[in-house]
Every structure is written in structure tokens, then in C-alpha cells.
Amino acid sequence: MATTHGARPKVPWWRWRSNPLCRRSDVAEAWLLIATAVLALLLSGFAGIAAAGAVDASLNDRRERTRPVAAVLVENARDAAVPVSENGDGGVWAEVRWTAPDGTRHTGRAEVPADGEKGDEVTVYNDGDGRLVSAPPEGAEAGFQVVMAGLTVAFVTGGMVLLCGWIARARLRLRRLDLWEAEWSQVEPAWRKRMTG
């Protein structure tokens, strides 16, 4: 195999070839690398799918427990002081009044369109206890949350497995260095005697 001066030849799968210089720790390290890669792929996939499923189930449960309610704006939305988001592309939090299923009247602050006028009818959302809650995510927004949860958990899980594999590999290398040092301490006196004698 032709190599440039000083470059070491690349020998694929050298840890499994019959080689008197290949130690058990070399083979163990090779299997550790394979096991780490396989575990990282499998566990991150399973964890990501489980997390996405859990978030999807949670959003479905939230949708089932949330119901839309007709409400009336008590103030002009433009007079409300608090925008829903910093970039101003959504609604604002404004005072609304609504009637619960039992006939009682309630007031509270809810997200409404920024151009709403006092007296306009708007849709707000109640939970099972009749409290105001934010609208549950639907469609693309819900899908984005599910996908992001799955990807985040998959990357974190895969990263943890790879980190554990790296730590185990570092310990193997340290052990190999200790063994080399112990063997050299046995060989060095005879080697030095031969060189000086």
C-alpha cells in the first residue's frame, strides 16, 4: 500500500484482524464504539417517538378539556397595555365578559384581536372549571410543538449515550496506558542493558 512519507496507512477493521499487537482492550474499544453508535440511534429514536407521542396526547387532552366561549370586549383592544407577543403580530390581552354555562357572569383578561372595539363579540376559551385559558394549539402550531419535542428529546438522549460511550472509551484508553507503562517498566531494564552492553 503506497503512502506518503511519514503517513500511517489506513487499515480498515484492523481491530478484528489477526494481529499480535492487537490487545483485548483494542477489541473492547471497537465493540464499545459500535455498541455506543447503535444504542445512540435506537434509544434516541425511541425516546424521541415517546416524547412526541406524550406531547401529542397532552395537546389532545388539553383540547378536550378546553371549550370556546362567546365573550364581549369590555374595553377597546387598542387601549390594552399588554401585547401577547413582543413583535406585535398577534393579539393583545384585554378585559372581556362572558356567561358561564350555569348562568353566572364573569370578567377577566383574554387574548383578543388587536383591532377589537368595546362591545365586540370575541371567542375566548374556558377550562373545565370555567376559568379563562389560552387557546389550545391546533394544526401546524400543534404539529410543530410535537416535532420539536421529539427532536429535542432524541438529540438529548443520543448525546447522553454518546457522552457515556466517550467516558467509557477514555477509561479504556487510560487503562491501556497504565498496562503499557507497567510492561515497559519490566522491559526497560533488559532493553537498557542490551543497549549499553
Protein backbone atom coordinates (compact mmCIF):
# COMPACT_ATOMS: atom_id res chain seq x y z
CA MET A 1 0.00 0.00 0.00
CA ALA A 2 1.54 3.30 -1.11
CA THR A 3 1.69 6.02 1.49
CA THR A 4 3.30 9.40 1.69
CA HIS A 5 6.43 9.72 3.78
CA GLY A 6 5.55 9.77 7.48
CA ALA A 7 1.85 8.98 6.96
CA ARG A 8 0.42 5.86 8.57
CA PRO A 9 -1.54 3.55 6.26
CA LYS A 10 -5.26 3.27 6.98
CA VAL A 11 -6.21 -0.35 7.58
CA PRO A 12 -9.95 -0.86 7.83
CA TRP A 13 -11.27 -3.13 10.58
CA TRP A 14 -7.74 -3.54 11.99
CA ARG A 15 -9.05 -4.23 15.47
CA TRP A 16 -10.63 -7.51 14.26
CA ARG A 17 -7.75 -8.71 12.10
CA SER A 18 -5.40 -11.35 13.41
CA ASN A 19 -2.60 -9.21 14.78
CA PRO A 20 -0.23 -9.96 17.67
CA LEU A 21 -0.12 -6.25 18.50
CA CYS A 22 -3.89 -6.02 18.85
CA ARG A 23 -4.81 -6.26 22.51
CA ARG A 24 -8.08 -7.22 24.15
CA SER A 25 -8.61 -3.57 25.03
CA ASP A 26 -8.42 -2.68 21.31
CA VAL A 27 -11.18 -5.17 20.53
CA ALA A 28 -13.19 -3.99 23.54
CA GLU A 29 -12.85 -0.39 22.35
CA ALA A 30 -14.04 -1.33 18.86
CA TRP A 31 -17.10 -3.12 20.24
CA LEU A 32 -17.75 -0.21 22.57
CA LEU A 33 -17.78 2.21 19.61
CA ILE A 34 -20.26 0.02 17.72
CA ALA A 35 -22.47 -0.50 20.78
CA THR A 36 -22.46 3.23 21.53
CA ALA A 37 -23.47 4.14 17.97
CA VAL A 38 -26.24 1.51 17.86
CA LEU A 39 -27.56 2.44 21.31
CA ALA A 40 -27.47 6.16 20.48
CA LEU A 41 -29.53 5.57 17.33
CA LEU A 42 -32.02 3.19 18.94
CA LEU A 43 -32.52 4.99 22.23
CA SER A 44 -32.71 8.45 20.70
CA GLY A 45 -35.28 7.18 18.18
CA PHE A 46 -37.44 5.50 20.83
CA ALA A 47 -37.15 8.43 23.23
CA GLY A 48 -38.00 10.96 20.51
CA ILE A 49 -41.06 8.99 19.39
CA ALA A 50 -42.21 8.55 23.01
CA ALA A 51 -41.79 12.26 23.75
CA ALA A 52 -43.64 13.29 20.58
CA GLY A 53 -46.46 10.88 21.48
CA ALA A 54 -46.65 12.23 25.03
CA VAL A 55 -46.83 15.85 23.84
CA ASP A 56 -49.45 14.96 21.22
CA ALA A 57 -51.56 13.17 23.86
CA SER A 58 -51.18 16.14 26.20
CA LEU A 59 -52.34 18.56 23.50
CA ASN A 60 -55.31 16.32 22.65
CA ASP A 61 -56.25 16.16 26.33
CA ARG A 62 -55.96 19.93 26.58
CA ARG A 63 -58.24 20.35 23.55
CA GLU A 64 -60.82 18.03 25.10
CA ARG A 65 -60.80 19.96 28.39
CA THR A 66 -60.97 23.38 26.69
CA ARG A 67 -64.11 24.82 25.15
CA PRO A 68 -64.70 28.01 23.18
CA VAL A 69 -66.98 30.57 24.80
CA ALA A 70 -68.58 33.70 23.34
CA ALA A 71 -67.48 36.82 25.24
CA VAL A 72 -67.86 40.58 24.88
CA LEU A 73 -65.00 43.09 24.98
CA VAL A 74 -65.29 45.40 27.97
CA GLU A 75 -62.61 47.79 26.61
CA ASN A 76 -61.09 48.75 23.28
CA ALA A 77 -58.31 46.33 22.44
CA ARG A 78 -56.03 49.16 21.30
CA ASP A 79 -56.21 50.63 24.82
CA ALA A 80 -54.95 47.37 26.34
CA ALA A 81 -51.41 47.78 27.66
CA VAL A 82 -50.08 44.25 27.21
CA PRO A 83 -49.45 42.74 23.75
CA VAL A 84 -49.47 38.94 23.50
CA SER A 85 -46.06 38.87 21.78
CA GLU A 86 -43.14 41.25 21.53
CA ASN A 87 -43.22 41.53 17.75
CA GLY A 88 -46.79 42.80 17.74
CA ASP A 89 -48.09 40.34 15.14
CA GLY A 90 -50.73 38.75 17.38
CA GLY A 91 -53.46 39.97 19.66
CA VAL A 92 -53.50 41.75 22.97
CA TRP A 93 -54.67 40.93 26.46
CA ALA A 94 -57.90 42.81 27.11
CA GLU A 95 -60.81 42.72 29.56
CA VAL A 96 -63.73 40.53 28.46
CA ARG A 97 -67.07 39.48 29.97
CA TRP A 98 -68.70 36.09 29.43
CA THR A 99 -71.51 33.98 30.81
CA ALA A 100 -70.74 30.54 32.22
CA PRO A 101 -72.98 27.51 31.45
CA ASP A 102 -74.56 27.89 34.90
CA GLY A 103 -75.66 31.46 34.02
CA THR A 104 -73.14 33.33 36.17
CA ARG A 105 -71.31 36.27 34.63
CA HIS A 106 -67.53 36.52 34.73
CA THR A 107 -64.89 39.04 33.67
CA GLY A 108 -61.21 38.52 33.01
CA ARG A 109 -58.35 39.22 30.65
CA ALA A 110 -58.08 37.14 27.48
CA GLU A 111 -56.23 37.21 24.18
CA VAL A 112 -58.28 39.15 21.64
CA PRO A 113 -57.65 40.67 18.18
CA ALA A 114 -55.67 43.91 18.38
CA ASP A 115 -58.32 45.84 16.44
CA GLY A 116 -61.27 44.79 18.65
CA GLU A 117 -63.66 47.51 19.85
CA LYS A 118 -65.56 47.71 23.12
CA GLY A 119 -68.78 45.69 22.76
CA ASP A 120 -67.41 43.39 20.03
CA GLU A 121 -68.09 39.68 20.44
CA VAL A 122 -64.93 37.60 20.65
CA THR A 123 -64.20 33.94 21.29
CA VAL A 124 -62.34 33.02 24.47
CA TYR A 125 -61.56 29.61 25.96
CA ASN A 126 -62.53 28.09 29.31
CA ASP A 127 -61.20 25.04 31.09
CA GLY A 128 -63.42 22.50 32.86
CA ASP A 129 -63.76 24.81 35.88
CA GLY A 130 -64.87 27.79 33.79
CA ARG A 131 -61.57 29.67 34.08
CA LEU A 132 -60.08 31.59 31.18
CA VAL A 133 -57.25 29.74 29.44
CA SER A 134 -55.26 30.31 26.26
CA ALA A 135 -56.48 28.67 23.07
CA PRO A 136 -55.08 25.16 22.62
CA PRO A 137 -52.61 24.84 19.73
CA GLU A 138 -54.10 23.49 16.51
CA GLY A 139 -52.85 22.39 13.12
CA ALA A 140 -49.32 23.47 12.17
CA GLU A 141 -48.59 25.00 15.58
CA ALA A 142 -49.51 21.77 17.38
CA GLY A 143 -47.52 19.73 14.85
CA PHE A 144 -44.50 21.99 15.35
CA GLN A 145 -44.64 21.50 19.13
CA VAL A 146 -44.90 17.72 18.75
CA VAL A 147 -41.99 17.53 16.27
CA MET A 148 -39.77 19.87 18.30
CA ALA A 149 -40.40 17.90 21.50
CA GLY A 150 -39.50 14.65 19.72
CA LEU A 151 -36.35 16.07 18.13
CA THR A 152 -35.17 17.73 21.34
CA VAL A 153 -35.56 14.57 23.41
CA ALA A 154 -33.96 12.46 20.65
CA PHE A 155 -30.89 14.73 20.45
CA VAL A 156 -30.52 14.92 24.25
CA THR A 157 -30.85 11.13 24.61
CA GLY A 158 -28.41 10.44 21.78
CA GLY A 159 -25.98 12.98 23.23
CA MET A 160 -26.12 11.35 26.66
CA VAL A 161 -25.43 7.90 25.19
CA LEU A 162 -22.51 9.25 23.15
CA LEU A 163 -21.14 11.03 26.23
CA CYS A 164 -21.31 7.81 28.27
CA GLY A 165 -19.57 5.95 25.43
CA TRP A 166 -16.86 8.60 25.25
CA ILE A 167 -16.27 8.38 29.02
CA ALA A 168 -16.06 4.57 28.86
CA ARG A 169 -13.64 4.80 25.92
CA ALA A 170 -11.47 7.31 27.80
CA ARG A 171 -11.30 4.91 30.76
CA LEU A 172 -10.28 2.08 28.45
CA ARG A 173 -7.50 4.23 27.00
CA LEU A 174 -6.24 5.19 30.46
CA ARG A 175 -6.20 1.53 31.47
CA ARG A 176 -4.30 0.66 28.28
CA LEU A 177 -1.72 3.37 29.03
CA ASP A 178 -1.28 2.02 32.57
CA LEU A 179 -0.73 -1.50 31.20
CA TRP A 180 1.80 -0.21 28.66
CA GLU A 181 3.65 1.63 31.41
CA ALA A 182 3.71 -1.48 33.61
CA GLU A 183 5.01 -3.61 30.74
CA TRP A 184 7.63 -1.03 29.81
CA SER A 185 8.88 -0.92 33.37
CA GLN A 186 9.52 -4.68 33.06
CA VAL A 187 11.14 -4.49 29.61
CA GLU A 188 13.15 -1.27 30.03
CA PRO A 189 15.94 -2.67 32.28
CA ALA A 190 16.70 -5.51 29.84
CA TRP A 191 16.47 -3.10 26.88
CA ARG A 192 18.83 -0.60 28.54
CA LYS A 193 21.27 -3.36 29.48
CA ARG A 194 21.35 -4.57 25.87
CA MET A 195 21.89 -1.02 24.55
CA THR A 196 24.71 -0.22 26.97
CA GLY A 197 26.26 -3.68 26.93
